[in-house]
């Protein structure tokens, strides 16, 4: 699933809602259009959230002390956020 699928579903749904005036027996094309449009918006939002989550970076630093023990420091940060001043 990606942005392309979401945009495609949104476009097809809105075309069914606003541009198609035909009817099918037992099928309301306007309702189908609204459902496709909502699924398209949901796909776009889920793709954006997944992409934002994947941009997080974790830095791990290992320090060896003179007595032989090790200290591990982890720092998580988002790559798209500028550093604080």
N, C-alpha and C. Protein backbone atom coordinates (compact mmCIF):
# COMPACT_ATOMS: atom_id res chain seq x y z
N UNK A 1 0.85 -1.16 0.00
CA UNK A 1 0.00 0.00 0.00
C UNK A 1 0.90 1.23 0.00
N UNK A 2 0.54 2.23 -0.72
CA UNK A 2 1.35 3.44 -0.76
C UNK A 2 0.51 4.63 -1.17
N UNK A 3 1.24 5.71 -1.42
CA UNK A 3 0.54 6.94 -1.82
C UNK A 3 -0.22 6.74 -3.13
N UNK A 4 0.36 6.00 -4.04
CA UNK A 4 -0.27 5.80 -5.35
C UNK A 4 -1.62 5.11 -5.25
N UNK A 5 -1.67 4.05 -4.44
CA UNK A 5 -2.93 3.34 -4.26
C UNK A 5 -3.97 4.23 -3.60
N UNK A 6 -3.56 4.99 -2.61
CA UNK A 6 -4.49 5.88 -1.93
C UNK A 6 -5.05 6.94 -2.85
N UNK A 7 -4.19 7.55 -3.64
CA UNK A 7 -4.63 8.58 -4.58
C UNK A 7 -5.55 7.98 -5.64
N UNK A 8 -5.21 6.77 -6.10
CA UNK A 8 -6.04 6.10 -7.10
C UNK A 8 -7.45 5.83 -6.56
N UNK A 9 -7.52 5.26 -5.35
CA UNK A 9 -8.83 4.97 -4.75
C UNK A 9 -9.62 6.25 -4.50
N UNK A 10 -8.95 7.28 -4.04
CA UNK A 10 -9.61 8.56 -3.82
C UNK A 10 -10.16 9.13 -5.12
N UNK A 11 -9.38 9.08 -6.18
CA UNK A 11 -9.82 9.62 -7.47
C UNK A 11 -11.00 8.82 -8.04
N UNK A 12 -10.90 7.50 -8.00
CA UNK A 12 -12.00 6.67 -8.52
C UNK A 12 -13.27 6.91 -7.70
N UNK A 13 -13.11 6.99 -6.39
CA UNK A 13 -14.28 7.23 -5.54
C UNK A 13 -14.94 8.56 -5.84
N UNK A 14 -14.14 9.61 -5.96
CA UNK A 14 -14.73 10.92 -6.24
C UNK A 14 -15.32 11.01 -7.64
N UNK A 15 -14.75 10.28 -8.58
CA UNK A 15 -15.35 10.22 -9.92
C UNK A 15 -16.72 9.56 -9.86
N UNK A 16 -16.81 8.46 -9.09
CA UNK A 16 -18.11 7.80 -8.96
C UNK A 16 -19.13 8.70 -8.27
N UNK A 17 -18.70 9.48 -7.32
CA UNK A 17 -19.63 10.34 -6.58
C UNK A 17 -20.09 11.51 -7.44
N UNK A 18 -19.16 12.20 -8.09
CA UNK A 18 -19.50 13.46 -8.75
C UNK A 18 -19.70 13.38 -10.26
N UNK A 19 -19.13 12.38 -10.95
CA UNK A 19 -19.17 12.40 -12.40
C UNK A 19 -20.05 11.32 -13.02
N UNK A 20 -20.41 10.32 -12.27
CA UNK A 20 -21.20 9.22 -12.84
C UNK A 20 -22.65 9.39 -12.41
N UNK A 21 -23.53 9.37 -13.40
CA UNK A 21 -24.96 9.49 -13.10
C UNK A 21 -25.72 8.23 -13.50
N UNK A 22 -25.03 7.20 -13.95
CA UNK A 22 -25.68 5.94 -14.30
C UNK A 22 -26.08 5.19 -13.04
N UNK A 23 -26.96 4.24 -13.22
CA UNK A 23 -27.38 3.42 -12.10
C UNK A 23 -27.20 1.95 -12.45
N UNK A 24 -26.91 1.17 -11.45
CA UNK A 24 -26.85 -0.27 -11.61
C UNK A 24 -27.92 -0.87 -10.71
N UNK A 25 -28.47 -1.98 -11.14
CA UNK A 25 -29.51 -2.62 -10.35
C UNK A 25 -28.93 -3.16 -9.04
N UNK A 26 -29.43 -2.63 -7.93
CA UNK A 26 -29.01 -3.10 -6.62
C UNK A 26 -27.73 -2.51 -6.10
N UNK A 27 -27.10 -1.57 -6.84
CA UNK A 27 -25.83 -0.96 -6.41
C UNK A 27 -25.97 0.56 -6.45
N UNK A 28 -25.70 1.19 -5.35
CA UNK A 28 -25.72 2.65 -5.30
C UNK A 28 -24.28 3.14 -5.55
N UNK A 29 -24.03 3.67 -6.73
CA UNK A 29 -22.67 4.06 -7.11
C UNK A 29 -22.15 5.23 -6.27
N UNK A 30 -23.03 6.08 -5.79
CA UNK A 30 -22.58 7.18 -4.94
C UNK A 30 -22.03 6.65 -3.61
N UNK A 31 -22.70 5.66 -3.04
CA UNK A 31 -22.22 5.07 -1.79
C UNK A 31 -20.90 4.34 -2.01
N UNK A 32 -20.80 3.61 -3.10
CA UNK A 32 -19.54 2.93 -3.42
C UNK A 32 -18.43 3.95 -3.62
N UNK A 33 -18.74 5.07 -4.25
CA UNK A 33 -17.76 6.13 -4.46
C UNK A 33 -17.28 6.72 -3.15
N UNK A 34 -18.20 6.99 -2.22
CA UNK A 34 -17.80 7.54 -0.93
C UNK A 34 -16.95 6.55 -0.14
N UNK A 35 -17.29 5.28 -0.23
CA UNK A 35 -16.49 4.26 0.47
C UNK A 35 -15.08 4.20 -0.11
N UNK A 36 -14.97 4.20 -1.43
CA UNK A 36 -13.64 4.18 -2.06
C UNK A 36 -12.84 5.43 -1.71
N UNK A 37 -13.50 6.58 -1.68
CA UNK A 37 -12.81 7.83 -1.33
C UNK A 37 -12.29 7.77 0.10
N UNK A 38 -13.10 7.26 1.03
CA UNK A 38 -12.66 7.17 2.43
C UNK A 38 -11.51 6.17 2.59
N UNK A 39 -11.58 5.06 1.89
CA UNK A 39 -10.48 4.08 1.95
C UNK A 39 -9.21 4.69 1.35
N UNK A 40 -9.34 5.49 0.31
CA UNK A 40 -8.18 6.16 -0.28
C UNK A 40 -7.54 7.13 0.69
N UNK A 41 -8.36 7.92 1.38
CA UNK A 41 -7.82 8.86 2.38
C UNK A 41 -7.14 8.09 3.51
N UNK A 42 -7.75 7.00 3.95
CA UNK A 42 -7.16 6.17 5.00
C UNK A 42 -5.82 5.59 4.56
N UNK A 43 -5.73 5.14 3.31
CA UNK A 43 -4.47 4.60 2.78
C UNK A 43 -3.38 5.67 2.76
N UNK A 44 -3.73 6.88 2.37
CA UNK A 44 -2.76 7.97 2.33
C UNK A 44 -2.27 8.29 3.75
N UNK A 45 -3.20 8.35 4.70
CA UNK A 45 -2.82 8.66 6.09
C UNK A 45 -1.95 7.56 6.69
N UNK A 46 -2.30 6.30 6.46
CA UNK A 46 -1.50 5.20 6.99
C UNK A 46 -0.10 5.17 6.37
N UNK A 47 -0.01 5.47 5.09
CA UNK A 47 1.30 5.53 4.45
C UNK A 47 2.14 6.66 5.03
N UNK A 48 1.52 7.81 5.27
CA UNK A 48 2.25 8.94 5.85
C UNK A 48 2.73 8.60 7.26
N UNK A 49 1.88 7.98 8.07
CA UNK A 49 2.28 7.61 9.43
C UNK A 49 3.39 6.58 9.43
N UNK A 50 3.31 5.61 8.53
CA UNK A 50 4.35 4.58 8.44
C UNK A 50 5.67 5.20 7.99
N UNK A 51 5.62 6.12 7.07
CA UNK A 51 6.83 6.78 6.59
C UNK A 51 7.46 7.61 7.69
N UNK A 52 6.64 8.31 8.46
CA UNK A 52 7.17 9.13 9.56
C UNK A 52 7.82 8.24 10.62
N UNK A 53 7.23 7.11 10.90
CA UNK A 53 7.78 6.19 11.90
C UNK A 53 9.10 5.60 11.42
N UNK A 54 9.23 5.35 10.13
CA UNK A 54 10.46 4.76 9.59
C UNK A 54 11.61 5.75 9.58
N UNK A 55 11.34 7.03 9.65
CA UNK A 55 12.40 8.04 9.61
C UNK A 55 13.10 8.24 10.94
N UNK A 56 12.63 7.60 11.98
CA UNK A 56 13.29 7.73 13.28
C UNK A 56 14.61 6.98 13.25
N UNK A 57 15.60 7.57 13.85
CA UNK A 57 16.93 6.97 13.89
C UNK A 57 17.31 6.71 15.34
N UNK A 58 18.04 5.63 15.56
CA UNK A 58 18.53 5.30 16.90
C UNK A 58 20.04 5.22 16.83
N UNK A 59 20.70 5.94 17.71
CA UNK A 59 22.16 5.93 17.79
C UNK A 59 22.56 5.17 19.04
N UNK A 60 23.47 4.21 18.86
CA UNK A 60 23.96 3.42 19.98
C UNK A 60 25.44 3.68 20.13
N UNK A 61 25.86 4.04 21.34
CA UNK A 61 27.28 4.29 21.62
C UNK A 61 27.73 3.35 22.73
N UNK A 62 28.83 2.64 22.51
CA UNK A 62 29.40 1.76 23.53
C UNK A 62 30.70 2.37 24.03
N UNK A 63 30.81 2.44 25.34
CA UNK A 63 32.01 2.98 25.96
C UNK A 63 32.61 1.88 26.84
N UNK A 64 33.89 1.61 26.61
CA UNK A 64 34.57 0.62 27.45
C UNK A 64 35.30 1.35 28.56
N UNK A 65 34.95 1.06 29.79
CA UNK A 65 35.56 1.68 30.96
C UNK A 65 36.93 1.04 31.26
N UNK A 66 37.79 1.72 32.01
CA UNK A 66 39.11 1.17 32.34
C UNK A 66 39.04 -0.17 33.07
N UNK A 67 37.98 -0.44 33.80
CA UNK A 67 37.89 -1.71 34.53
C UNK A 67 37.37 -2.84 33.65
N UNK A 68 37.10 -2.58 32.37
CA UNK A 68 36.66 -3.61 31.43
C UNK A 68 35.16 -3.65 31.22
N UNK A 69 34.40 -2.97 32.05
CA UNK A 69 32.95 -2.96 31.87
C UNK A 69 32.59 -2.03 30.72
N UNK A 70 31.42 -2.28 30.16
CA UNK A 70 30.96 -1.46 29.04
C UNK A 70 29.68 -0.71 29.41
N UNK A 71 29.57 0.48 28.88
CA UNK A 71 28.37 1.29 29.06
C UNK A 71 27.75 1.51 27.68
N UNK A 72 26.46 1.23 27.58
CA UNK A 72 25.76 1.40 26.31
C UNK A 72 24.78 2.56 26.47
N UNK A 73 24.85 3.51 25.53
CA UNK A 73 23.96 4.66 25.53
C UNK A 73 23.18 4.65 24.22
N UNK A 74 21.84 4.71 24.33
CA UNK A 74 20.99 4.77 23.14
C UNK A 74 20.29 6.12 23.10
N UNK A 75 20.19 6.66 21.90
CA UNK A 75 19.50 7.92 21.71
C UNK A 75 18.63 7.80 20.47
N UNK A 76 17.32 8.01 20.65
CA UNK A 76 16.40 7.99 19.53
C UNK A 76 16.09 9.41 19.10
N UNK A 77 16.02 9.61 17.82
CA UNK A 77 15.68 10.94 17.31
C UNK A 77 14.98 10.78 15.98
N UNK A 78 14.19 11.79 15.66
CA UNK A 78 13.54 11.82 14.35
C UNK A 78 14.42 12.63 13.43
N UNK A 79 14.65 12.14 12.23
CA UNK A 79 15.55 12.80 11.29
C UNK A 79 14.96 14.04 10.68
N UNK A 80 13.64 14.16 10.66
CA UNK A 80 13.02 15.31 9.99
C UNK A 80 12.83 16.50 10.94
N UNK A 81 13.25 16.37 12.18
CA UNK A 81 13.11 17.47 13.13
C UNK A 81 14.45 18.19 13.28
N UNK A 82 14.49 19.52 13.09
CA UNK A 82 15.75 20.23 13.25
C UNK A 82 16.18 20.24 14.71
N UNK A 83 17.48 20.30 14.98
CA UNK A 83 17.94 20.32 16.36
C UNK A 83 17.47 21.58 17.08
N UNK A 84 17.24 21.46 18.39
CA UNK A 84 16.78 22.58 19.18
C UNK A 84 17.94 23.57 19.41
N UNK A 85 17.58 24.84 19.43
CA UNK A 85 18.61 25.89 19.62
C UNK A 85 18.60 26.34 21.04
